[in-house]
Amino acid sequence: MTFVSKCAVLLSAAMTLMSAGASAATPDANFQLAPAIKAQAAAKTKPTFVVSYHDPALSVAAPMRKGVGLAAKELNVNAVFTGPVGGGAEKQVAELENWITKGVDGIAVSSSSTDALAPVINKAIAAGIPVVTFNTDNPASHRLSFVGQDLAYSGVVMGDTLVKHMGQKGKVLVFTVDAAAEWSKDREKGLRQSLAKYPNIAIVGLVNTSNEPQQIYAAIENAMLAHQDVTGIVSLDCCSFPAIGQYLQRNSLAGKIPVVGSDLLPQTKDLIKGGALTATISQNPQRQGHDAVVVLNQIFTGAKMPDSHTDTGVQVIDRASVDQHAAE
């Protein structure tokens, strides 16, 4: 199977990454459960929670779905993992509107677009349906809590990891499938913060690859030809990352240029094992799905109001440790 066909199922207009701005959101301090939901909780009726991921066709959605299922069994709740296959903010909004109309006891959302999803999140909150965000935060909304990685900090860790392997001087190329997205800007901010500590390191390009597999590879190829003296590479996302490894393999550069990226897709794992990619930053997607259901259940049962942010952590995985981790 070609690189393009392998990657086709991994990409969508909305990406697998989360926005770090958890603290920027403004939860509704006066939120009250809808009377019908409150009555169900008092009667100890089994609740139904909807976990809406922005593209369940992405590889990283599989461990999220598994986490949701595990939490549902542990807590004895109904939890539906859903979302628009192939992505699309309009489709996700329409799907959530339908769930609100049907009536559910809680919603967890990974937003394909902050601006597009904020109104429907706020609509559910106003109707007394608890909403939390997971994987990708929505700082423009009144969501009650966020379950996911601190993305800005993960960018810092990316930079620190690159320096560990590259040294304290050199030229760095940065790739992203969507430079305008909040998750990309936050992660880039953390990366620049890390590399700014080293006056002899320069970022020579921020390359926006788009999210179509052939375009990703072409953008990488063009950038590498334009910067043949690059000594370090960072991918801010899950899906340009393995494409970089493929390019390096094909051009006899595998192992010669340190490359740090995000997530542990199956192909990423193989490329780390083979030495074409150096290290990845995992955001624990299974825990993100699991804990999103846990937080919704806490709100439903009245056990506690959740913290504003449940941090699923930053884990560096390299060639020495990659066999200890399952692909995401």
Protein backbone atom coordinates (compact mmCIF):
# COMPACT_ATOMS: atom_id res chain seq x y z
CA MET A 1 0.00 0.00 0.00
CA THR A 2 1.34 3.45 -0.88
CA PHE A 3 1.97 6.19 1.62
CA VAL A 4 -0.92 8.22 0.21
CA SER A 5 -3.42 5.38 0.54
CA LYS A 6 -2.23 4.60 4.07
CA CYS A 7 -2.68 8.21 5.12
CA ALA A 8 -5.99 8.85 3.38
CA VAL A 9 -8.01 7.39 6.25
CA LEU A 10 -6.01 9.34 8.83
CA LEU A 11 -6.90 12.83 7.63
CA SER A 12 -9.88 15.13 7.65
CA ALA A 13 -10.53 18.83 7.57
CA ALA A 14 -10.57 18.76 11.35
CA MET A 15 -7.54 17.37 13.08
CA THR A 16 -6.82 15.08 15.99
CA LEU A 17 -5.28 17.68 18.14
CA MET A 18 -6.62 19.79 20.90
CA SER A 19 -6.49 23.46 21.70
CA ALA A 20 -4.67 24.30 24.90
CA GLY A 21 -6.82 27.26 25.91
CA ALA A 22 -8.75 25.45 28.59
CA SER A 23 -8.42 28.29 31.08
CA ALA A 24 -9.65 30.82 28.49
CA ALA A 25 -13.13 29.32 28.34
CA THR A 26 -15.88 30.78 30.49
CA PRO A 27 -17.93 28.01 32.09
CA ASP A 28 -21.50 28.90 33.02
CA ALA A 29 -21.19 29.45 36.77
CA ASN A 30 -24.99 29.32 37.12
CA PHE A 31 -25.43 26.04 35.25
CA GLN A 32 -28.27 23.84 36.49
CA LEU A 33 -29.27 20.44 35.16
CA ALA A 34 -32.51 20.44 33.19
CA PRO A 35 -35.44 19.29 35.41
CA ALA A 36 -35.90 16.11 33.35
CA ILE A 37 -32.21 15.20 33.70
CA LYS A 38 -32.27 16.03 37.40
CA ALA A 39 -35.30 13.77 37.86
CA GLN A 40 -33.55 10.92 36.06
CA ALA A 41 -30.54 11.32 38.31
CA ALA A 42 -32.71 11.32 41.43
CA ALA A 43 -34.44 8.15 40.23
CA LYS A 44 -31.03 6.61 39.49
CA THR A 45 -32.07 6.02 35.87
CA LYS A 46 -29.24 4.97 33.59
CA PRO A 47 -28.09 8.11 31.76
CA THR A 48 -27.19 8.46 28.08
CA PHE A 49 -24.12 10.49 27.18
CA VAL A 50 -23.04 11.46 23.67
CA VAL A 51 -19.32 11.72 22.92
CA SER A 52 -18.93 13.65 19.67
CA TYR A 53 -15.51 13.42 18.03
CA HIS A 54 -14.81 15.65 15.06
CA ASP A 55 -13.92 12.74 12.76
CA PRO A 56 -14.33 9.15 14.05
CA ALA A 57 -12.71 7.81 10.85
CA LEU A 58 -9.31 9.00 12.06
CA SER A 59 -7.01 6.34 13.46
CA VAL A 60 -6.64 8.12 16.77
CA ALA A 61 -10.42 7.83 17.32
CA ALA A 62 -10.11 4.07 17.93
CA PRO A 63 -8.48 4.36 21.38
CA MET A 64 -10.89 7.19 22.25
CA ARG A 65 -13.83 4.94 21.39
CA LYS A 66 -12.29 2.18 23.51
CA GLY A 67 -11.94 4.56 26.47
CA VAL A 68 -15.57 5.62 26.14
CA GLY A 69 -16.66 1.97 26.15
CA LEU A 70 -14.56 1.15 29.20
CA ALA A 71 -15.99 4.09 31.15
CA ALA A 72 -19.55 3.12 30.17
CA LYS A 73 -19.04 -0.37 31.61
CA GLU A 74 -17.32 0.89 34.75
CA LEU A 75 -20.04 3.43 35.50
CA ASN A 76 -23.04 1.49 34.13
CA VAL A 77 -24.06 4.29 31.77
CA ASN A 78 -24.97 4.49 28.09
CA ALA A 79 -22.26 6.27 26.13
CA VAL A 80 -22.49 6.81 22.36
CA PHE A 81 -19.27 7.60 20.50
CA THR A 82 -20.21 9.47 17.35
CA GLY A 83 -19.27 12.27 14.95
CA PRO A 84 -19.26 13.13 11.25
CA VAL A 85 -17.15 10.61 9.33
CA GLY A 86 -14.74 12.62 7.21
CA GLY A 87 -15.11 15.66 9.43
CA GLY A 88 -16.89 18.94 8.81
CA ALA A 89 -18.11 21.56 11.27
CA GLU A 90 -21.55 21.90 9.69
CA LYS A 91 -22.14 18.15 9.87
CA GLN A 92 -20.99 18.01 13.50
CA VAL A 93 -23.25 20.93 14.44
CA ALA A 94 -26.24 19.29 12.72
CA GLU A 95 -25.58 16.01 14.48
CA LEU A 96 -25.38 17.71 17.87
CA GLU A 97 -28.57 19.68 17.18
CA ASN A 98 -30.33 16.35 16.62
CA TRP A 99 -29.04 14.94 19.91
CA ILE A 100 -30.17 18.04 21.78
CA THR A 101 -33.63 17.71 20.24
CA LYS A 102 -33.83 13.99 21.09
CA GLY A 103 -32.74 14.69 24.64
CA VAL A 104 -29.57 13.31 26.20
CA ASP A 105 -28.11 13.57 29.69
CA GLY A 106 -24.70 14.95 28.76
CA ILE A 107 -22.49 15.74 25.79
CA ALA A 108 -18.72 15.64 25.31
CA VAL A 109 -17.45 17.50 22.24
CA SER A 110 -14.17 17.60 20.34
CA SER A 111 -14.75 20.69 18.21
CA SER A 112 -13.93 20.65 14.52
CA SER A 113 -14.16 24.46 14.68
CA THR A 114 -14.18 26.62 17.78
CA ASP A 115 -16.39 29.34 16.29
CA ALA A 116 -18.82 26.97 14.58
CA LEU A 117 -19.32 24.67 17.59
CA ALA A 118 -19.49 27.28 20.37
CA PRO A 119 -23.12 28.29 19.68
CA VAL A 120 -24.45 24.72 19.75
CA ILE A 121 -22.46 24.00 22.93
CA ASN A 122 -23.94 27.11 24.53
CA LYS A 123 -27.42 26.10 23.33
CA ALA A 124 -27.11 22.76 25.13
CA ILE A 125 -25.79 24.43 28.28
CA ALA A 126 -28.71 26.90 28.23
CA ALA A 127 -31.09 23.94 27.96
CA GLY A 128 -29.58 22.36 31.08
CA ILE A 129 -27.63 19.66 29.25
CA PRO A 130 -24.08 19.43 30.64
CA VAL A 131 -21.37 19.80 28.01
CA VAL A 132 -17.66 19.17 28.41
CA THR A 133 -14.97 19.29 25.76
CA PHE A 134 -12.32 16.64 25.19
CA ASN A 135 -9.24 16.29 22.97
CA THR A 136 -9.96 19.68 21.36
CA ASP A 137 -11.13 22.43 23.68
CA ASN A 138 -13.60 25.18 22.76
CA PRO A 139 -12.47 28.28 24.64
CA ALA A 140 -15.15 30.42 22.99
CA SER A 141 -17.93 28.39 24.60
CA HIS A 142 -19.41 27.99 28.08
CA ARG A 143 -18.44 24.33 28.31
CA LEU A 144 -18.20 23.12 31.91
CA SER A 145 -14.82 21.36 31.74
CA PHE A 146 -12.08 20.26 29.34
CA VAL A 147 -10.45 16.81 29.23
CA GLY A 148 -7.21 16.77 27.27
CA GLN A 149 -3.60 17.71 26.87
CA ASP A 150 -2.13 21.14 27.55
CA LEU A 151 -1.18 21.79 23.96
CA ALA A 152 1.07 24.80 24.54
CA TYR A 153 3.07 22.78 27.02
CA SER A 154 3.28 19.90 24.56
CA GLY A 155 4.87 22.37 22.12
CA VAL A 156 7.45 23.22 24.76
CA VAL A 157 8.19 19.53 25.23
CA MET A 158 8.55 19.12 21.46
CA GLY A 159 11.17 21.86 21.39
CA ASP A 160 13.05 20.51 24.39
CA THR A 161 13.04 17.01 22.88
CA LEU A 162 14.33 18.28 19.53
CA VAL A 163 17.19 20.14 21.23
CA LYS A 164 18.11 17.02 23.14
CA HIS A 165 18.71 15.20 19.85
CA MET A 166 19.81 18.09 17.62
CA GLY A 167 21.95 20.12 19.97
CA GLN A 168 21.76 23.83 20.78
CA LYS A 169 22.34 25.20 17.29
CA GLY A 170 20.87 24.60 13.87
CA LYS A 171 18.05 25.35 11.45
CA VAL A 172 14.56 24.00 12.08
CA LEU A 173 11.61 23.43 9.73
CA VAL A 174 8.13 23.28 11.25
CA PHE A 175 5.19 21.56 9.52
CA THR A 176 1.47 21.72 10.25
CA VAL A 177 -1.66 20.69 8.40
CA ASP A 178 -3.46 23.88 9.48
CA ALA A 179 -1.35 26.82 10.60
CA ALA A 180 -4.43 28.96 11.28
CA ALA A 181 -6.06 26.49 13.68
CA GLU A 182 -5.97 27.35 17.38
CA TRP A 183 -4.41 24.00 18.28
CA SER A 184 -1.60 24.63 15.79
CA LYS A 185 -0.99 28.20 16.95
CA ASP A 186 -0.90 27.13 20.60
CA ARG A 187 1.50 24.28 19.95
CA GLU A 188 3.66 26.54 17.76
CA LYS A 189 3.73 29.11 20.57
CA GLY A 190 5.07 26.51 23.00
CA LEU A 191 7.65 25.32 20.49
CA ARG A 192 8.92 28.85 19.86
CA GLN A 193 9.05 29.46 23.61
CA SER A 194 11.29 26.43 24.00
CA LEU A 195 13.61 27.18 21.08
CA ALA A 196 13.90 30.89 21.99
CA LYS A 197 16.22 29.83 24.83
CA TYR A 198 18.87 28.96 22.24
CA PRO A 199 20.20 31.94 20.22
CA ASN A 200 21.91 29.65 17.73
CA ILE A 201 18.71 27.86 16.73
CA ALA A 202 16.57 29.42 14.00
CA ILE A 203 13.16 28.37 12.71
CA VAL A 204 13.63 28.81 8.96
CA GLY A 205 10.09 27.98 7.92
CA LEU A 206 6.55 27.25 9.11
CA VAL A 207 5.06 25.12 6.35
CA ASN A 208 1.27 24.81 6.05
CA THR A 209 0.81 21.48 4.27
CA SER A 210 -3.02 21.36 4.21
CA ASN A 211 -4.58 18.03 5.17
CA GLU A 212 -4.72 16.16 1.85
CA PRO A 213 -2.12 13.35 1.71
CA GLN A 214 -0.62 14.18 -1.69
CA GLN A 215 -0.43 17.87 -0.82
CA ILE A 216 1.23 17.06 2.51
CA TYR A 217 3.98 15.08 0.83
CA ALA A 218 4.49 17.69 -1.92
CA ALA A 219 4.76 20.48 0.67
CA ILE A 220 7.36 18.50 2.63
CA GLU A 221 9.35 17.75 -0.51
CA ASN A 222 9.34 21.39 -1.66
CA ALA A 223 10.31 22.71 1.78
CA MET A 224 13.16 20.22 2.14
CA LEU A 225 14.52 21.09 -1.31
CA ALA A 226 14.40 24.79 -0.38
CA HIS A 227 16.15 24.19 2.95
CA GLN A 228 18.72 21.50 2.31
CA ASP A 229 20.79 22.63 5.30
CA VAL A 230 17.98 21.99 7.83
CA THR A 231 19.19 20.19 10.96
CA GLY A 232 15.90 19.60 12.81
CA ILE A 233 12.23 19.11 11.97
CA VAL A 234 9.04 19.43 14.00
CA SER A 235 5.53 18.35 13.00
CA LEU A 236 2.80 20.05 15.02
CA ASP A 237 0.24 17.38 14.13
CA CYS A 238 -0.26 13.64 13.80
CA CYS A 239 -0.56 13.40 10.04
CA SER A 240 2.26 15.38 8.46
CA PHE A 241 4.56 13.59 10.90
CA PRO A 242 4.67 10.14 9.22
CA ALA A 243 4.87 11.81 5.80
CA ILE A 244 8.10 13.47 6.91
CA GLY A 245 9.50 10.07 7.89
CA GLN A 246 8.53 8.66 4.50
CA TYR A 247 10.29 11.52 2.72
CA LEU A 248 13.46 11.01 4.74
CA GLN A 249 13.44 7.28 4.05
CA ARG A 250 13.05 7.79 0.30
CA ASN A 251 15.86 10.31 0.17
CA SER A 252 18.43 8.44 2.28
CA LEU A 253 18.07 10.93 5.12
CA ALA A 254 16.50 8.64 7.72
CA GLY A 255 18.31 9.01 11.03
CA LYS A 256 20.33 11.99 9.83
CA ILE A 257 17.88 14.73 10.82
CA PRO A 258 16.04 14.62 14.19
CA VAL A 259 12.26 14.78 13.77
CA VAL A 260 9.75 15.31 16.59
CA GLY A 261 5.98 15.17 16.16
CA SER A 262 2.66 14.26 17.72
CA ASP A 263 0.65 11.10 18.44
CA LEU A 264 1.52 7.47 17.81
CA LEU A 265 -0.29 6.40 14.66
CA PRO A 266 0.62 2.89 13.47
CA GLN A 267 2.85 4.20 10.69
CA THR A 268 4.48 6.68 13.09
CA LYS A 269 5.34 3.81 15.42
CA ASP A 270 6.97 1.86 12.56
CA LEU A 271 8.96 4.90 11.46
CA ILE A 272 10.23 5.54 14.99
CA LYS A 273 11.26 1.91 15.30
CA GLY A 274 13.03 2.18 11.95
CA GLY A 275 14.86 5.35 12.95
CA ALA A 276 13.31 7.72 10.37
CA LEU A 277 11.41 9.61 13.10
CA THR A 278 12.97 10.50 16.45
CA ALA A 279 10.24 10.97 19.04
CA THR A 280 6.54 11.67 19.40
CA ILE A 281 4.44 13.40 22.04
CA SER A 282 1.43 11.28 23.03
CA GLN A 283 -1.72 12.81 24.47
CA ASN A 284 -3.30 9.56 25.78
CA PRO A 285 -6.43 9.45 23.58
CA GLN A 286 -7.92 6.44 25.38
CA ARG A 287 -7.89 8.35 28.64
CA GLN A 288 -9.43 11.37 26.91
CA GLY A 289 -12.46 9.32 25.84
CA HIS A 290 -12.68 7.56 29.20
CA ASP A 291 -12.40 10.64 31.39
CA ALA A 292 -14.86 12.64 29.29
CA VAL A 293 -17.54 10.11 30.28
CA VAL A 294 -16.36 10.11 33.90
CA VAL A 295 -16.68 13.90 34.12
CA LEU A 296 -20.16 13.88 32.55
CA ASN A 297 -21.26 11.26 35.06
CA GLN A 298 -19.92 13.34 37.94
CA ILE A 299 -22.09 16.24 36.81
CA PHE A 300 -25.15 14.02 36.20
CA THR A 301 -24.99 12.36 39.61
CA GLY A 302 -24.15 15.56 41.43
CA ALA A 303 -21.08 13.90 42.88
CA LYS A 304 -18.99 16.99 42.16
CA MET A 305 -18.53 19.76 39.69
CA PRO A 306 -15.40 18.91 37.72
CA ASP A 307 -12.22 20.89 37.61
CA SER A 308 -11.98 23.24 34.64
CA HIS A 309 -9.27 21.06 33.11
CA THR A 310 -8.48 17.35 33.39
CA ASP A 311 -4.95 17.15 32.00
CA THR A 312 -4.27 13.88 30.17
CA GLY A 313 -0.56 14.60 30.15
CA VAL A 314 2.44 14.78 27.86
CA GLN A 315 4.39 11.61 27.21
CA VAL A 316 7.57 11.47 25.12
CA ILE A 317 7.94 8.22 23.16
CA ASP A 318 11.18 7.48 21.32
CA ARG A 319 12.91 4.47 19.80
CA ALA A 320 13.96 3.15 23.21
CA SER A 321 10.40 3.15 24.56
CA VAL A 322 8.15 2.81 21.51
CA ASP A 323 7.63 -0.96 21.90
CA GLN A 324 6.10 -0.31 25.32
CA HIS A 325 3.21 1.62 23.76
CA ALA A 326 0.31 0.58 21.56
CA ALA A 327 -0.28 2.56 18.40
CA GLU A 328 -3.09 5.09 18.72
